[in-house]
Amino acid sequence: MPHNIMKTVLSIDIGNTITEIGCFEYNDKDDHLLFTERISSDFRATAFDDLVIINNTLSINGISPADVKGCIISSVVPNVTVEWSKAAKRFCQKEPMIIGPGIKTGLKILIDNPAQLGSDLVVQAVAINSLYKKACPKAFIDFGTSTTIGVVDKNGSFIGGTLCPGVAVSAEALCGRASQLPRVSFTSPKGIIGKNTTDCLKSGLMYGSASMIDGLLDRIEESLGEELFAVATGSLAPNITQLCRRDITVNEHLLMYGLMMIYRRNLAHI
C-alpha cells in the first residue's frame, strides 16, 4: 500500500467489567483516535454476538468493514478472548494481534514472574513511556474493576505496582452487606462531611479513593527516592483525580494509544 495513505485499525480492550472498542486512523507518521465505545463485558457471548457488536459499533461511527485493515486485542479475560478473536478475524478478514507471547512491545519487565503481568498493564506501560517522555519514574493509575497502579522506572522498565478493589466493586460490596445503604453515583460529593446517608457514602468512596491514591503515590515516591510523574486512566479518572492533592495527569484513552503503538511495532510481522 502506498506511503502516507490513511489506514484504519480496530482496537479492543477486554476487561472484567467493561470492554472498550476503538478505531485509529494512521499512516506512516501519525495516529488519530477516531472513537471509542464502552460496553459491558459478557462472558457468555459467542463469536457471532461479538461480531454483531463490532459491526454495529463501527457502523454507528461511520466506518465500514472495508475501511479496517487490521485489529489488535488486549484481554484480561482469557475465556472470552477466543470468541472476540474469531469475531475480529471474520470482520477484518485477517488474524488479529493479541497482546501476549510473540508480540513485540519494547517493554522490559522487572518483576518476579513477567508472564503473570496482565496485558492491560503491559499496554499502559508502553503508552506512558511513549506519550510522556519524562526523565523520572512514572506511574499510571487505572480506575477499573480494580484500582491498579503500575510503576515504570526512569529507564522505562516496568518494576511492579499495587492492586486494590475498584471504587464500584467497593461500593457494591458495601451496599450488598448493608441493606439500608443506597446505590450512589460516582460524582464529586458536596463536601468531606456528609449531611445525609447518600452524601456520607459518596464522600467516603470518592475522597477515600483520592486519599488512597495520594498516599500510595507518596509511599511509592518515598520508596524510589525520586519524584514521580503520575497519569490516571479509566472512566472514573477525572472524578477521582480532581479530589486528589497530588498533581495527576488524566488520559482516559491511555490503553487505546498503547495498543496502537504496539500495533505499529508489529506491522512488519503481519
C-alpha atoms as a PDB file:
ATOM      1  CA  MET A   1       0.000   0.000   0.000  1.00  0.00           C
ATOM      2  CA  PRO A   2       1.418   3.486  -0.874  1.00  0.00           C
ATOM      3  CA  HIS A   3       3.047   5.504   1.907  1.00  0.00           C
ATOM      4  CA  ASN A   4       1.153   8.207   3.828  1.00  0.00           C
ATOM      5  CA  ILE A   5      -2.291   6.859   2.891  1.00  0.00           C
ATOM      6  CA  MET A   6      -4.515   6.761   5.957  1.00  0.00           C
ATOM      7  CA  LYS A   7      -5.491   3.278   7.135  1.00  0.00           C
ATOM      8  CA  THR A   8      -7.783   2.167   9.943  1.00  0.00           C
ATOM      9  CA  VAL A   9      -7.130  -0.347  12.728  1.00  0.00           C
ATOM     10  CA  LEU A  10      -9.665  -1.767  15.175  1.00  0.00           C
ATOM     11  CA  SER A  11      -8.562  -1.837  18.820  1.00  0.00           C
ATOM     12  CA  ILE A  12     -10.324  -3.880  21.510  1.00  0.00           C
ATOM     13  CA  ASP A  13      -9.659  -3.917  25.255  1.00  0.00           C
ATOM     14  CA  ILE A  14     -11.490  -6.710  27.096  1.00  0.00           C
ATOM     15  CA  GLY A  15     -11.802  -6.141  30.829  1.00  0.00           C
ATOM     16  CA  ASN A  16     -13.624  -7.946  33.614  1.00  0.00           C
ATOM     17  CA  THR A  17     -16.393  -5.344  33.726  1.00  0.00           C
ATOM     18  CA  ILE A  18     -16.091  -3.214  30.599  1.00  0.00           C
ATOM     19  CA  THR A  19     -14.961  -3.926  27.036  1.00  0.00           C
ATOM     20  CA  GLU A  20     -13.799  -0.908  25.064  1.00  0.00           C
ATOM     21  CA  ILE A  21     -13.829  -0.798  21.273  1.00  0.00           C
ATOM     22  CA  GLY A  22     -11.984   1.888  19.334  1.00  0.00           C
ATOM     23  CA  CYS A  23     -10.634   2.733  15.906  1.00  0.00           C
ATOM     24  CA  PHE A  24      -7.452   4.527  14.917  1.00  0.00           C
ATOM     25  CA  GLU A  25      -6.707   6.158  11.597  1.00  0.00           C
ATOM     26  CA  TYR A  26      -2.990   6.079  10.888  1.00  0.00           C
ATOM     27  CA  ASN A  27      -0.288   6.493   8.275  1.00  0.00           C
ATOM     28  CA  ASP A  28       3.499   6.302   8.338  1.00  0.00           C
ATOM     29  CA  LYS A  29       3.796   9.171  10.809  1.00  0.00           C
ATOM     30  CA  ASP A  30       0.550   9.937  12.605  1.00  0.00           C
ATOM     31  CA  ASP A  31      -2.184   8.247  14.653  1.00  0.00           C
ATOM     32  CA  HIS A  32      -5.660   9.668  15.145  1.00  0.00           C
ATOM     33  CA  LEU A  33      -8.173   8.096  17.533  1.00  0.00           C
ATOM     34  CA  LEU A  34     -11.494   8.193  15.683  1.00  0.00           C
ATOM     35  CA  PHE A  35     -13.729   6.987  18.513  1.00  0.00           C
ATOM     36  CA  THR A  36     -14.075   4.679  21.496  1.00  0.00           C
ATOM     37  CA  GLU A  37     -17.213   2.980  22.789  1.00  0.00           C
ATOM     38  CA  ARG A  38     -17.623   1.089  26.047  1.00  0.00           C
ATOM     39  CA  ILE A  39     -19.909  -1.927  26.541  1.00  0.00           C
ATOM     40  CA  SER A  40     -20.474  -4.327  29.433  1.00  0.00           C
ATOM     41  CA  SER A  41     -18.279  -7.417  29.209  1.00  0.00           C
ATOM     42  CA  ASP A  42     -20.379 -10.516  28.582  1.00  0.00           C
ATOM     43  CA  PHE A  43     -18.656 -13.793  29.410  1.00  0.00           C
ATOM     44  CA  ARG A  44     -21.453 -15.790  27.723  1.00  0.00           C
ATOM     45  CA  ALA A  45     -21.255 -14.031  24.352  1.00  0.00           C
ATOM     46  CA  THR A  46     -20.426 -16.073  21.263  1.00  0.00           C
ATOM     47  CA  ALA A  47     -18.168 -15.010  18.430  1.00  0.00           C
ATOM     48  CA  PHE A  48     -21.265 -14.074  16.417  1.00  0.00           C
ATOM     49  CA  ASP A  49     -22.542 -11.894  19.291  1.00  0.00           C
ATOM     50  CA  ASP A  50     -19.196 -10.115  19.350  1.00  0.00           C
ATOM     51  CA  LEU A  51     -19.199  -9.764  15.563  1.00  0.00           C
ATOM     52  CA  VAL A  52     -22.572  -8.032  15.696  1.00  0.00           C
ATOM     53  CA  ILE A  53     -21.227  -5.648  18.346  1.00  0.00           C
ATOM     54  CA  ILE A  54     -18.149  -4.825  16.258  1.00  0.00           C
ATOM     55  CA  ASN A  55     -20.199  -4.322  13.097  1.00  0.00           C
ATOM     56  CA  ASN A  56     -22.823  -2.153  14.808  1.00  0.00           C
ATOM     57  CA  THR A  57     -20.250  -0.097  16.723  1.00  0.00           C
ATOM     58  CA  LEU A  58     -18.242   0.733  13.629  1.00  0.00           C
ATOM     59  CA  SER A  59     -21.347   1.324  11.517  1.00  0.00           C
ATOM     60  CA  ILE A  60     -22.714   3.817  14.066  1.00  0.00           C
ATOM     61  CA  ASN A  61     -19.398   5.649  13.851  1.00  0.00           C
ATOM     62  CA  GLY A  62     -19.391   5.689  10.045  1.00  0.00           C
ATOM     63  CA  ILE A  63     -16.751   3.026   9.410  1.00  0.00           C
ATOM     64  CA  SER A  64     -17.299   0.098   7.036  1.00  0.00           C
ATOM     65  CA  PRO A  65     -15.520  -3.277   7.184  1.00  0.00           C
ATOM     66  CA  ALA A  66     -13.629  -2.372   4.005  1.00  0.00           C
ATOM     67  CA  ASP A  67     -12.007   0.567   5.849  1.00  0.00           C
ATOM     68  CA  VAL A  68     -10.436  -1.650   8.522  1.00  0.00           C
ATOM     69  CA  LYS A  69      -7.005  -3.042   7.701  1.00  0.00           C
ATOM     70  CA  GLY A  70      -6.243  -4.831  10.970  1.00  0.00           C
ATOM     71  CA  CYS A  71      -7.095  -5.404  14.609  1.00  0.00           C
ATOM     72  CA  ILE A  72      -5.281  -5.584  17.950  1.00  0.00           C
ATOM     73  CA  ILE A  73      -6.750  -7.018  21.162  1.00  0.00           C
ATOM     74  CA  SER A  74      -5.805  -6.755  24.820  1.00  0.00           C
ATOM     75  CA  SER A  75      -7.679  -9.040  27.206  1.00  0.00           C
ATOM     76  CA  VAL A  76      -7.539  -9.921  30.890  1.00  0.00           C
ATOM     77  CA  VAL A  77     -10.363 -12.438  30.475  1.00  0.00           C
ATOM     78  CA  PRO A  78      -8.853 -15.497  28.725  1.00  0.00           C
ATOM     79  CA  ASN A  79     -12.198 -17.305  28.488  1.00  0.00           C
ATOM     80  CA  VAL A  80     -13.656 -14.703  26.144  1.00  0.00           C
ATOM     81  CA  THR A  81     -10.520 -13.784  24.188  1.00  0.00           C
ATOM     82  CA  VAL A  82     -11.067 -16.641  21.749  1.00  0.00           C
ATOM     83  CA  GLU A  83     -14.592 -15.523  20.862  1.00  0.00           C
ATOM     84  CA  TRP A  84     -13.574 -11.906  20.322  1.00  0.00           C
ATOM     85  CA  SER A  85     -10.607 -13.067  18.249  1.00  0.00           C
ATOM     86  CA  LYS A  86     -12.886 -15.135  15.998  1.00  0.00           C
ATOM     87  CA  ALA A  87     -15.228 -12.182  15.603  1.00  0.00           C
ATOM     88  CA  ALA A  88     -12.386  -9.781  14.761  1.00  0.00           C
ATOM     89  CA  LYS A  89     -10.909 -12.214  12.238  1.00  0.00           C
ATOM     90  CA  ARG A  90     -14.253 -12.573  10.485  1.00  0.00           C
ATOM     91  CA  PHE A  91     -14.770  -8.810  10.433  1.00  0.00           C
ATOM     92  CA  CYS A  92     -11.252  -7.858   9.269  1.00  0.00           C
ATOM     93  CA  GLN A  93     -10.606 -10.956   7.157  1.00  0.00           C
ATOM     94  CA  LYS A  94      -7.256 -11.463   8.898  1.00  0.00           C
ATOM     95  CA  GLU A  95      -5.945 -12.696  12.225  1.00  0.00           C
ATOM     96  CA  PRO A  96      -5.926 -10.014  14.932  1.00  0.00           C
ATOM     97  CA  MET A  97      -2.848  -9.258  17.003  1.00  0.00           C
ATOM     98  CA  ILE A  98      -3.384 -10.371  20.597  1.00  0.00           C
ATOM     99  CA  ILE A  99      -1.170  -8.948  23.339  1.00  0.00           C
ATOM    100  CA  GLY A 100       0.826 -11.870  24.661  1.00  0.00           C
ATOM    101  CA  PRO A 101       3.760 -14.111  23.761  1.00  0.00           C
ATOM    102  CA  GLY A 102       5.239 -13.327  20.352  1.00  0.00           C
ATOM    103  CA  ILE A 103       4.109  -9.695  20.296  1.00  0.00           C
ATOM    104  CA  LYS A 104       6.882  -7.090  20.361  1.00  0.00           C
ATOM    105  CA  THR A 105       6.249  -4.404  22.981  1.00  0.00           C
ATOM    106  CA  GLY A 106       9.719  -2.989  23.620  1.00  0.00           C
ATOM    107  CA  LEU A 107       8.965  -3.101  27.354  1.00  0.00           C
ATOM    108  CA  LYS A 108      11.444  -4.516  29.862  1.00  0.00           C
ATOM    109  CA  ILE A 109       9.552  -6.188  32.718  1.00  0.00           C
ATOM    110  CA  LEU A 110      11.386  -6.449  36.055  1.00  0.00           C
ATOM    111  CA  ILE A 111       9.009  -8.419  38.281  1.00  0.00           C
ATOM    112  CA  ASP A 112       9.199 -11.889  39.837  1.00  0.00           C
ATOM    113  CA  ASN A 113       7.277 -13.580  37.005  1.00  0.00           C
ATOM    114  CA  PRO A 114       6.853 -11.406  33.889  1.00  0.00           C
ATOM    115  CA  ALA A 115       4.414 -13.947  32.435  1.00  0.00           C
ATOM    116  CA  GLN A 116       1.929 -13.034  35.180  1.00  0.00           C
ATOM    117  CA  LEU A 117       1.729  -9.379  34.151  1.00  0.00           C
ATOM    118  CA  GLY A 118      -1.690  -8.551  32.704  1.00  0.00           C
ATOM    119  CA  SER A 119      -1.777  -7.411  29.098  1.00  0.00           C
ATOM    120  CA  ASP A 120      -3.559  -4.198  30.117  1.00  0.00           C
ATOM    121  CA  LEU A 121      -0.624  -3.215  32.337  1.00  0.00           C
ATOM    122  CA  VAL A 122       1.864  -4.022  29.583  1.00  0.00           C
ATOM    123  CA  VAL A 123      -0.031  -1.834  27.117  1.00  0.00           C
ATOM    124  CA  GLN A 124      -0.389   1.079  29.537  1.00  0.00           C
ATOM    125  CA  ALA A 125       3.288   0.940  30.448  1.00  0.00           C
ATOM    126  CA  VAL A 126       4.175   1.124  26.751  1.00  0.00           C
ATOM    127  CA  ALA A 127       1.838   4.097  26.356  1.00  0.00           C
ATOM    128  CA  ILE A 128       3.115   6.100  29.328  1.00  0.00           C
ATOM    129  CA  ASN A 129       6.715   5.590  28.178  1.00  0.00           C
ATOM    130  CA  SER A 130       5.913   6.815  24.670  1.00  0.00           C
ATOM    131  CA  LEU A 131       3.492   9.651  25.443  1.00  0.00           C
ATOM    132  CA  TYR A 132       5.241  11.135  28.484  1.00  0.00           C
ATOM    133  CA  LYS A 133       8.969  11.255  27.939  1.00  0.00           C
ATOM    134  CA  LYS A 134       9.867  12.289  31.462  1.00  0.00           C
ATOM    135  CA  ALA A 135      13.362  11.663  32.846  1.00  0.00           C
ATOM    136  CA  CYS A 136      11.911  10.297  36.064  1.00  0.00           C
ATOM    137  CA  PRO A 137       9.901   7.311  37.307  1.00  0.00           C
ATOM    138  CA  LYS A 138       6.294   7.246  36.106  1.00  0.00           C
ATOM    139  CA  ALA A 139       3.122   5.690  37.484  1.00  0.00           C
ATOM    140  CA  PHE A 140      -0.199   5.018  35.801  1.00  0.00           C
ATOM    141  CA  ILE A 141      -3.392   4.610  37.813  1.00  0.00           C
ATOM    142  CA  ASP A 142      -6.135   2.569  36.162  1.00  0.00           C
ATOM    143  CA  PHE A 143      -9.586   3.040  37.701  1.00  0.00           C
ATOM    144  CA  GLY A 144     -11.301  -0.135  36.540  1.00  0.00           C
ATOM    145  CA  THR A 145     -12.734  -3.229  38.228  1.00  0.00           C
ATOM    146  CA  SER A 146      -9.641  -2.915  40.379  1.00  0.00           C
ATOM    147  CA  THR A 147      -7.748   0.289  41.062  1.00  0.00           C
ATOM    148  CA  THR A 148      -4.290  -0.578  39.815  1.00  0.00           C
ATOM    149  CA  ILE A 149      -1.090   1.409  39.963  1.00  0.00           C
ATOM    150  CA  GLY A 150       1.741   0.402  37.647  1.00  0.00           C
ATOM    151  CA  VAL A 151       5.242   1.809  38.103  1.00  0.00           C
ATOM    152  CA  VAL A 152       7.846   2.376  35.408  1.00  0.00           C
ATOM    153  CA  ASP A 153      11.359   3.377  36.457  1.00  0.00           C
ATOM    154  CA  LYS A 154      13.359   6.200  34.902  1.00  0.00           C
ATOM    155  CA  ASN A 155      14.829   3.741  32.385  1.00  0.00           C
ATOM    156  CA  GLY A 156      11.365   2.771  31.117  1.00  0.00           C
ATOM    157  CA  SER A 157      11.252  -0.658  32.754  1.00  0.00           C
ATOM    158  CA  PHE A 158       8.082  -1.915  34.447  1.00  0.00           C
ATOM    159  CA  ILE A 159       9.040  -2.654  38.053  1.00  0.00           C
ATOM    160  CA  GLY A 160       5.721  -3.511  39.752  1.00  0.00           C
ATOM    161  CA  GLY A 161       2.816  -1.751  41.404  1.00  0.00           C
ATOM    162  CA  THR A 162      -0.212  -2.056  43.678  1.00  0.00           C
ATOM    163  CA  LEU A 163      -3.648  -3.624  43.290  1.00  0.00           C
ATOM    164  CA  CYS A 164      -6.769  -2.540  45.222  1.00  0.00           C
ATOM    165  CA  PRO A 165     -10.538  -3.062  44.908  1.00  0.00           C
ATOM    166  CA  GLY A 166     -12.091  -0.665  42.408  1.00  0.00           C
ATOM    167  CA  VAL A 167     -14.466   2.072  43.506  1.00  0.00           C
ATOM    168  CA  ALA A 168     -17.529   0.369  42.023  1.00  0.00           C
ATOM    169  CA  VAL A 169     -16.540  -3.010  43.469  1.00  0.00           C
ATOM    170  CA  SER A 170     -16.115  -1.462  46.924  1.00  0.00           C
ATOM    171  CA  ALA A 171     -19.491   0.245  46.688  1.00  0.00           C
ATOM    172  CA  GLU A 172     -21.235  -2.957  45.557  1.00  0.00           C
ATOM    173  CA  ALA A 173     -19.648  -4.980  48.351  1.00  0.00           C
ATOM    174  CA  LEU A 174     -20.646  -2.438  50.993  1.00  0.00           C
ATOM    175  CA  CYS A 175     -24.221  -1.943  49.746  1.00  0.00           C
ATOM    176  CA  GLY A 176     -24.627  -5.685  49.344  1.00  0.00           C
ATOM    177  CA  ARG A 177     -23.781  -6.204  53.014  1.00  0.00           C
ATOM    178  CA  ALA A 178     -25.802  -3.270  54.352  1.00  0.00           C
ATOM    179  CA  SER A 179     -29.407  -3.372  53.167  1.00  0.00           C
ATOM    180  CA  GLN A 180     -30.198   0.236  54.082  1.00  0.00           C
ATOM    181  CA  LEU A 181     -27.324   1.800  52.152  1.00  0.00           C
ATOM    182  CA  PRO A 182     -28.364   3.293  48.795  1.00  0.00           C
ATOM    183  CA  ARG A 183     -26.616   2.960  45.448  1.00  0.00           C
ATOM    184  CA  VAL A 184     -24.805   6.182  44.591  1.00  0.00           C
ATOM    185  CA  SER A 185     -23.308   7.785  41.509  1.00  0.00           C
ATOM    186  CA  PHE A 186     -19.564   8.341  41.434  1.00  0.00           C
ATOM    187  CA  THR A 187     -19.702  12.102  41.088  1.00  0.00           C
ATOM    188  CA  SER A 188     -17.998  14.653  43.324  1.00  0.00           C
ATOM    189  CA  PRO A 189     -19.518  14.784  46.821  1.00  0.00           C
ATOM    190  CA  LYS A 190     -20.787  18.093  48.190  1.00  0.00           C
ATOM    191  CA  GLY A 191     -18.072  18.078  50.824  1.00  0.00           C
ATOM    192  CA  ILE A 192     -15.967  15.832  53.000  1.00  0.00           C
ATOM    193  CA  ILE A 193     -18.571  15.879  55.795  1.00  0.00           C
ATOM    194  CA  GLY A 194     -21.800  14.357  54.509  1.00  0.00           C
ATOM    195  CA  LYS A 195     -25.131  15.582  55.859  1.00  0.00           C
ATOM    196  CA  ASN A 196     -27.141  12.506  54.843  1.00  0.00           C
ATOM    197  CA  THR A 197     -26.539   8.828  54.106  1.00  0.00           C
ATOM    198  CA  THR A 198     -26.049   9.301  50.361  1.00  0.00           C
ATOM    199  CA  ASP A 199     -23.574  12.148  50.792  1.00  0.00           C
ATOM    200  CA  CYS A 200     -21.698  10.297  53.548  1.00  0.00           C
ATOM    201  CA  LEU A 201     -21.329   7.231  51.338  1.00  0.00           C
ATOM    202  CA  LYS A 202     -20.286   9.272  48.313  1.00  0.00           C
ATOM    203  CA  SER A 203     -17.767  11.212  50.396  1.00  0.00           C
ATOM    204  CA  GLY A 204     -16.248   8.040  51.800  1.00  0.00           C
ATOM    205  CA  LEU A 205     -15.970   6.359  48.412  1.00  0.00           C
ATOM    206  CA  MET A 206     -14.666   9.321  46.420  1.00  0.00           C
ATOM    207  CA  TYR A 207     -12.487  11.113  48.978  1.00  0.00           C
ATOM    208  CA  GLY A 208     -11.381   7.735  50.299  1.00  0.00           C
ATOM    209  CA  SER A 209     -10.214   6.671  46.847  1.00  0.00           C
ATOM    210  CA  ALA A 210      -8.490  10.009  46.261  1.00  0.00           C
ATOM    211  CA  SER A 211      -6.726   9.826  49.631  1.00  0.00           C
ATOM    212  CA  MET A 212      -5.659   6.246  48.938  1.00  0.00           C
ATOM    213  CA  ILE A 213      -4.129   7.276  45.613  1.00  0.00           C
ATOM    214  CA  ASP A 214      -2.330  10.242  47.191  1.00  0.00           C
ATOM    215  CA  GLY A 215      -0.994   8.027  49.977  1.00  0.00           C
ATOM    216  CA  LEU A 216       0.127   5.186  47.720  1.00  0.00           C
ATOM    217  CA  LEU A 217       1.888   7.535  45.293  1.00  0.00           C
ATOM    218  CA  ASP A 218       3.624   9.265  48.209  1.00  0.00           C
ATOM    219  CA  ARG A 219       4.861   5.931  49.513  1.00  0.00           C
ATOM    220  CA  ILE A 220       5.967   4.744  46.047  1.00  0.00           C
ATOM    221  CA  GLU A 221       7.851   8.010  45.581  1.00  0.00           C
ATOM    222  CA  GLU A 222       9.465   7.582  49.003  1.00  0.00           C
ATOM    223  CA  SER A 223      10.460   4.010  48.133  1.00  0.00           C
ATOM    224  CA  LEU A 224      12.054   5.096  44.854  1.00  0.00           C
ATOM    225  CA  GLY A 225      13.717   8.160  46.364  1.00  0.00           C
ATOM    226  CA  GLU A 226      12.762  10.181  43.294  1.00  0.00           C
ATOM    227  CA  GLU A 227       9.950  12.451  42.151  1.00  0.00           C
ATOM    228  CA  LEU A 228       7.127  10.521  40.492  1.00  0.00           C
ATOM    229  CA  PHE A 229       5.087  11.582  37.465  1.00  0.00           C
ATOM    230  CA  ALA A 230       1.551  10.127  37.501  1.00  0.00           C
ATOM    231  CA  VAL A 231      -1.118   9.570  34.850  1.00  0.00           C
ATOM    232  CA  ALA A 232      -4.647   8.348  35.606  1.00  0.00           C
ATOM    233  CA  THR A 233      -6.875   6.495  33.162  1.00  0.00           C
ATOM    234  CA  GLY A 234     -10.315   4.895  33.124  1.00  0.00           C
ATOM    235  CA  SER A 235     -13.785   6.428  33.102  1.00  0.00           C
ATOM    236  CA  LEU A 236     -13.589   7.471  36.780  1.00  0.00           C
ATOM    237  CA  ALA A 237     -10.166   9.093  36.458  1.00  0.00           C
ATOM    238  CA  PRO A 238     -11.445  12.687  36.104  1.00  0.00           C
ATOM    239  CA  ASN A 239     -13.897  12.322  39.004  1.00  0.00           C
ATOM    240  CA  ILE A 240     -11.357  10.977  41.482  1.00  0.00           C
ATOM    241  CA  THR A 241      -8.180  12.822  40.487  1.00  0.00           C
ATOM    242  CA  GLN A 242      -9.897  16.200  40.923  1.00  0.00           C
ATOM    243  CA  LEU A 243     -10.175  15.295  44.624  1.00  0.00           C
ATOM    244  CA  CYS A 244      -6.519  14.263  44.902  1.00  0.00           C
ATOM    245  CA  ARG A 245      -3.966  16.603  46.433  1.00  0.00           C
ATOM    246  CA  ARG A 246      -1.239  15.454  44.077  1.00  0.00           C
ATOM    247  CA  ASP A 247      -0.929  16.737  40.516  1.00  0.00           C
ATOM    248  CA  ILE A 248      -2.091  13.831  38.334  1.00  0.00           C
ATOM    249  CA  THR A 249      -2.455  13.973  34.551  1.00  0.00           C
ATOM    250  CA  VAL A 250      -5.628  12.374  33.153  1.00  0.00           C
ATOM    251  CA  ASN A 251      -5.622  10.366  29.916  1.00  0.00           C
ATOM    252  CA  GLU A 252      -8.820   8.323  29.623  1.00  0.00           C
ATOM    253  CA  HIS A 253      -7.570   6.573  26.474  1.00  0.00           C
ATOM    254  CA  LEU A 254      -4.078   5.618  27.645  1.00  0.00           C
ATOM    255  CA  LEU A 255      -4.612   1.935  26.915  1.00  0.00           C
ATOM    256  CA  MET A 256      -6.045   2.581  23.447  1.00  0.00           C
ATOM    257  CA  TYR A 257      -2.971   4.613  22.499  1.00  0.00           C
ATOM    258  CA  GLY A 258      -0.733   1.872  23.857  1.00  0.00           C
ATOM    259  CA  LEU A 259      -2.477  -0.683  21.655  1.00  0.00           C
ATOM    260  CA  MET A 260      -1.838   1.451  18.590  1.00  0.00           C
ATOM    261  CA  MET A 261       1.851   1.841  19.490  1.00  0.00           C
ATOM    262  CA  ILE A 262       2.253  -1.913  19.841  1.00  0.00           C
ATOM    263  CA  TYR A 263       0.349  -2.489  16.596  1.00  0.00           C
ATOM    264  CA  ARG A 264       2.828  -0.255  14.791  1.00  0.00           C
ATOM    265  CA  ARG A 265       5.807  -2.102  16.275  1.00  0.00           C
ATOM    266  CA  ASN A 266       4.497  -5.393  14.905  1.00  0.00           C
ATOM    267  CA  LEU A 267       3.269  -4.248  11.468  1.00  0.00           C
ATOM    268  CA  ALA A 268       6.221  -5.883   9.681  1.00  0.00           C
ATOM    269  CA  HIS A 269       5.148  -9.276  11.068  1.00  0.00           C
ATOM    270  CA  ILE A 270       1.526  -9.361   9.837  1.00  0.00           C
END
